[in-house]
Each structure stands twice: as C-alpha cells, then as structure tokens.
Amino acid sequence: MKLLKLMQEVKGLAQITNRRPAPRPSVLYLMQLRGQAPVSPEIPKKRLVINMESADPCVVSFSIQINHVNQGESPLPVVIG
C-alpha cells in the first residue's frame, strides 16, 4: 500500500514539474470570438456651427482655436457663461 502511494506521488510530481504553458489560441478561434461579440455602434460626433460676429464686416475671419472642456476633468473651477 505504501509503495502504491509512493508511485502516485512520484507520478503527480512528474506531471507538475514537466508541465508546459497552455498553447496560444489560434487566430481562427479569436476571429470567431470577435464575430460573436456584440458590436456597439459608433456614436456620430455632433458638429457645431460657430458664427463669429464682428463690428467690421470687411474683416477676414481668422481661425479660432476651440478648447473642449469636459465636466469633472478640471482641477480648477471653470465658469461658462
């Protein structure tokens, strides 16, 4: 009985020490997973039209830099009014 237990322990130890990393999944398998994943539709970006009014209508409009401010991202208080 002791010999049988010893043989089982040796066999288990050999399996543990000789194990190899799991093989990488094939590309075909990954492509199948991608096909099953729910596709989230892209949200179209809103295009805002900004008009610039000046006192002199002959003034050529220059490019205007627009800084987008998202709520909760600024460490300092931002007043928009």
C-alpha atoms as a PDB file:
ATOM      1  CA  MET A   1       0.000   0.000   0.000  1.00  0.00           C
ATOM      2  CA  LYS A   2       2.834   2.381   0.821  1.00  0.00           C
ATOM      3  CA  LEU A   3       4.517   1.560  -2.471  1.00  0.00           C
ATOM      4  CA  LEU A   4       1.312   2.406  -4.377  1.00  0.00           C
ATOM      5  CA  LYS A   5       1.043   5.790  -2.630  1.00  0.00           C
ATOM      6  CA  LEU A   6       4.707   6.489  -3.336  1.00  0.00           C
ATOM      7  CA  MET A   7       4.197   5.711  -7.034  1.00  0.00           C
ATOM      8  CA  GLN A   8       1.158   8.028  -7.179  1.00  0.00           C
ATOM      9  CA  GLU A   9       3.146  10.832  -5.544  1.00  0.00           C
ATOM     10  CA  VAL A  10       6.056  10.370  -7.940  1.00  0.00           C
ATOM     11  CA  LYS A  11       3.701  10.373 -10.934  1.00  0.00           C
ATOM     12  CA  GLY A  12       1.932  13.531  -9.677  1.00  0.00           C
ATOM     13  CA  LEU A  13       5.251  15.278  -9.014  1.00  0.00           C
ATOM     14  CA  ALA A  14       6.434  14.384 -12.520  1.00  0.00           C
ATOM     15  CA  GLN A  15       3.257  15.853 -14.015  1.00  0.00           C
ATOM     16  CA  ILE A  16       3.701  19.078 -12.056  1.00  0.00           C
ATOM     17  CA  THR A  17       7.394  19.528 -12.878  1.00  0.00           C
ATOM     18  CA  ASN A  18       7.032  18.674 -16.578  1.00  0.00           C
ATOM     19  CA  ARG A  19       4.009  20.816 -17.334  1.00  0.00           C
ATOM     20  CA  ARG A  20       4.176  23.272 -20.209  1.00  0.00           C
ATOM     21  CA  PRO A  21       2.391  26.558 -20.769  1.00  0.00           C
ATOM     22  CA  ALA A  22      -1.008  26.351 -22.387  1.00  0.00           C
ATOM     23  CA  PRO A  23      -0.892  26.720 -26.161  1.00  0.00           C
ATOM     24  CA  ARG A  24      -1.899  30.077 -27.570  1.00  0.00           C
ATOM     25  CA  PRO A  25      -5.380  30.175 -29.081  1.00  0.00           C
ATOM     26  CA  SER A  26      -5.383  30.069 -32.849  1.00  0.00           C
ATOM     27  CA  VAL A  27      -6.213  33.090 -34.964  1.00  0.00           C
ATOM     28  CA  LEU A  28      -9.310  31.388 -36.317  1.00  0.00           C
ATOM     29  CA  TYR A  29     -10.645  30.909 -32.778  1.00  0.00           C
ATOM     30  CA  LEU A  30     -10.044  34.585 -31.984  1.00  0.00           C
ATOM     31  CA  MET A  31     -11.809  35.627 -35.194  1.00  0.00           C
ATOM     32  CA  GLN A  32     -14.816  33.522 -34.230  1.00  0.00           C
ATOM     33  CA  LEU A  33     -14.910  35.186 -30.811  1.00  0.00           C
ATOM     34  CA  ARG A  34     -14.814  38.608 -32.444  1.00  0.00           C
ATOM     35  CA  GLY A  35     -17.788  37.665 -34.615  1.00  0.00           C
ATOM     36  CA  GLN A  36     -19.840  36.691 -31.557  1.00  0.00           C
ATOM     37  CA  ALA A  37     -19.092  39.873 -29.615  1.00  0.00           C
ATOM     38  CA  PRO A  38     -21.872  42.470 -29.690  1.00  0.00           C
ATOM     39  CA  VAL A  39     -20.961  45.369 -31.935  1.00  0.00           C
ATOM     40  CA  SER A  40     -21.538  48.741 -30.357  1.00  0.00           C
ATOM     41  CA  PRO A  41     -22.478  51.337 -32.965  1.00  0.00           C
ATOM     42  CA  GLU A  42     -20.241  54.359 -33.103  1.00  0.00           C
ATOM     43  CA  ILE A  43     -21.924  57.461 -31.813  1.00  0.00           C
ATOM     44  CA  PRO A  44     -21.771  60.125 -34.510  1.00  0.00           C
ATOM     45  CA  LYS A  45     -19.930  63.228 -33.436  1.00  0.00           C
ATOM     46  CA  LYS A  46     -22.030  66.360 -33.171  1.00  0.00           C
ATOM     47  CA  ARG A  47     -20.896  69.101 -35.494  1.00  0.00           C
ATOM     48  CA  LEU A  48     -21.370  72.548 -34.029  1.00  0.00           C
ATOM     49  CA  VAL A  49     -21.631  75.581 -36.274  1.00  0.00           C
ATOM     50  CA  ILE A  50     -19.967  78.598 -34.706  1.00  0.00           C
ATOM     51  CA  ASN A  51     -20.613  82.059 -36.109  1.00  0.00           C
ATOM     52  CA  MET A  52     -18.293  84.964 -35.394  1.00  0.00           C
ATOM     53  CA  GLU A  53     -19.769  88.430 -35.434  1.00  0.00           C
ATOM     54  CA  SER A  54     -17.554  91.449 -35.816  1.00  0.00           C
ATOM     55  CA  ALA A  55     -18.266  95.167 -35.999  1.00  0.00           C
ATOM     56  CA  ASP A  56     -16.491  95.498 -39.344  1.00  0.00           C
ATOM     57  CA  PRO A  57     -17.947  93.127 -41.991  1.00  0.00           C
ATOM     58  CA  CYS A  58     -14.847  93.513 -44.195  1.00  0.00           C
ATOM     59  CA  VAL A  59     -12.583  91.826 -41.654  1.00  0.00           C
ATOM     60  CA  VAL A  60     -11.386  88.455 -42.834  1.00  0.00           C
ATOM     61  CA  SER A  61     -12.154  85.791 -40.286  1.00  0.00           C
ATOM     62  CA  PHE A  62      -9.163  84.077 -38.737  1.00  0.00           C
ATOM     63  CA  SER A  63      -9.053  80.537 -37.499  1.00  0.00           C
ATOM     64  CA  ILE A  64     -10.373  80.191 -33.976  1.00  0.00           C
ATOM     65  CA  GLN A  65      -8.952  77.696 -31.525  1.00  0.00           C
ATOM     66  CA  ILE A  66     -11.661  75.809 -29.639  1.00  0.00           C
ATOM     67  CA  ASN A  67     -10.834  74.188 -26.310  1.00  0.00           C
ATOM     68  CA  HIS A  68     -13.222  71.422 -25.307  1.00  0.00           C
ATOM     69  CA  VAL A  69     -13.882  71.237 -21.571  1.00  0.00           C
ATOM     70  CA  ASN A  70     -15.477  68.108 -20.154  1.00  0.00           C
ATOM     71  CA  GLN A  71     -17.290  68.217 -16.844  1.00  0.00           C
ATOM     72  CA  GLY A  72     -15.350  66.892 -13.884  1.00  0.00           C
ATOM     73  CA  GLU A  73     -11.921  66.936 -15.519  1.00  0.00           C
ATOM     74  CA  SER A  74     -10.704  70.366 -14.462  1.00  0.00           C
ATOM     75  CA  PRO A  75      -8.961  70.671 -11.078  1.00  0.00           C
ATOM     76  CA  LEU A  76      -9.813  74.391 -11.036  1.00  0.00           C
ATOM     77  CA  PRO A  77     -13.321  75.850 -11.085  1.00  0.00           C
ATOM     78  CA  VAL A  78     -14.484  76.740 -14.596  1.00  0.00           C
ATOM     79  CA  VAL A  79     -17.218  79.310 -15.184  1.00  0.00           C
ATOM     80  CA  ILE A  80     -19.012  79.119 -18.515  1.00  0.00           C
ATOM     81  CA  GLY A  81     -21.463  81.907 -19.077  1.00  0.00           C
END
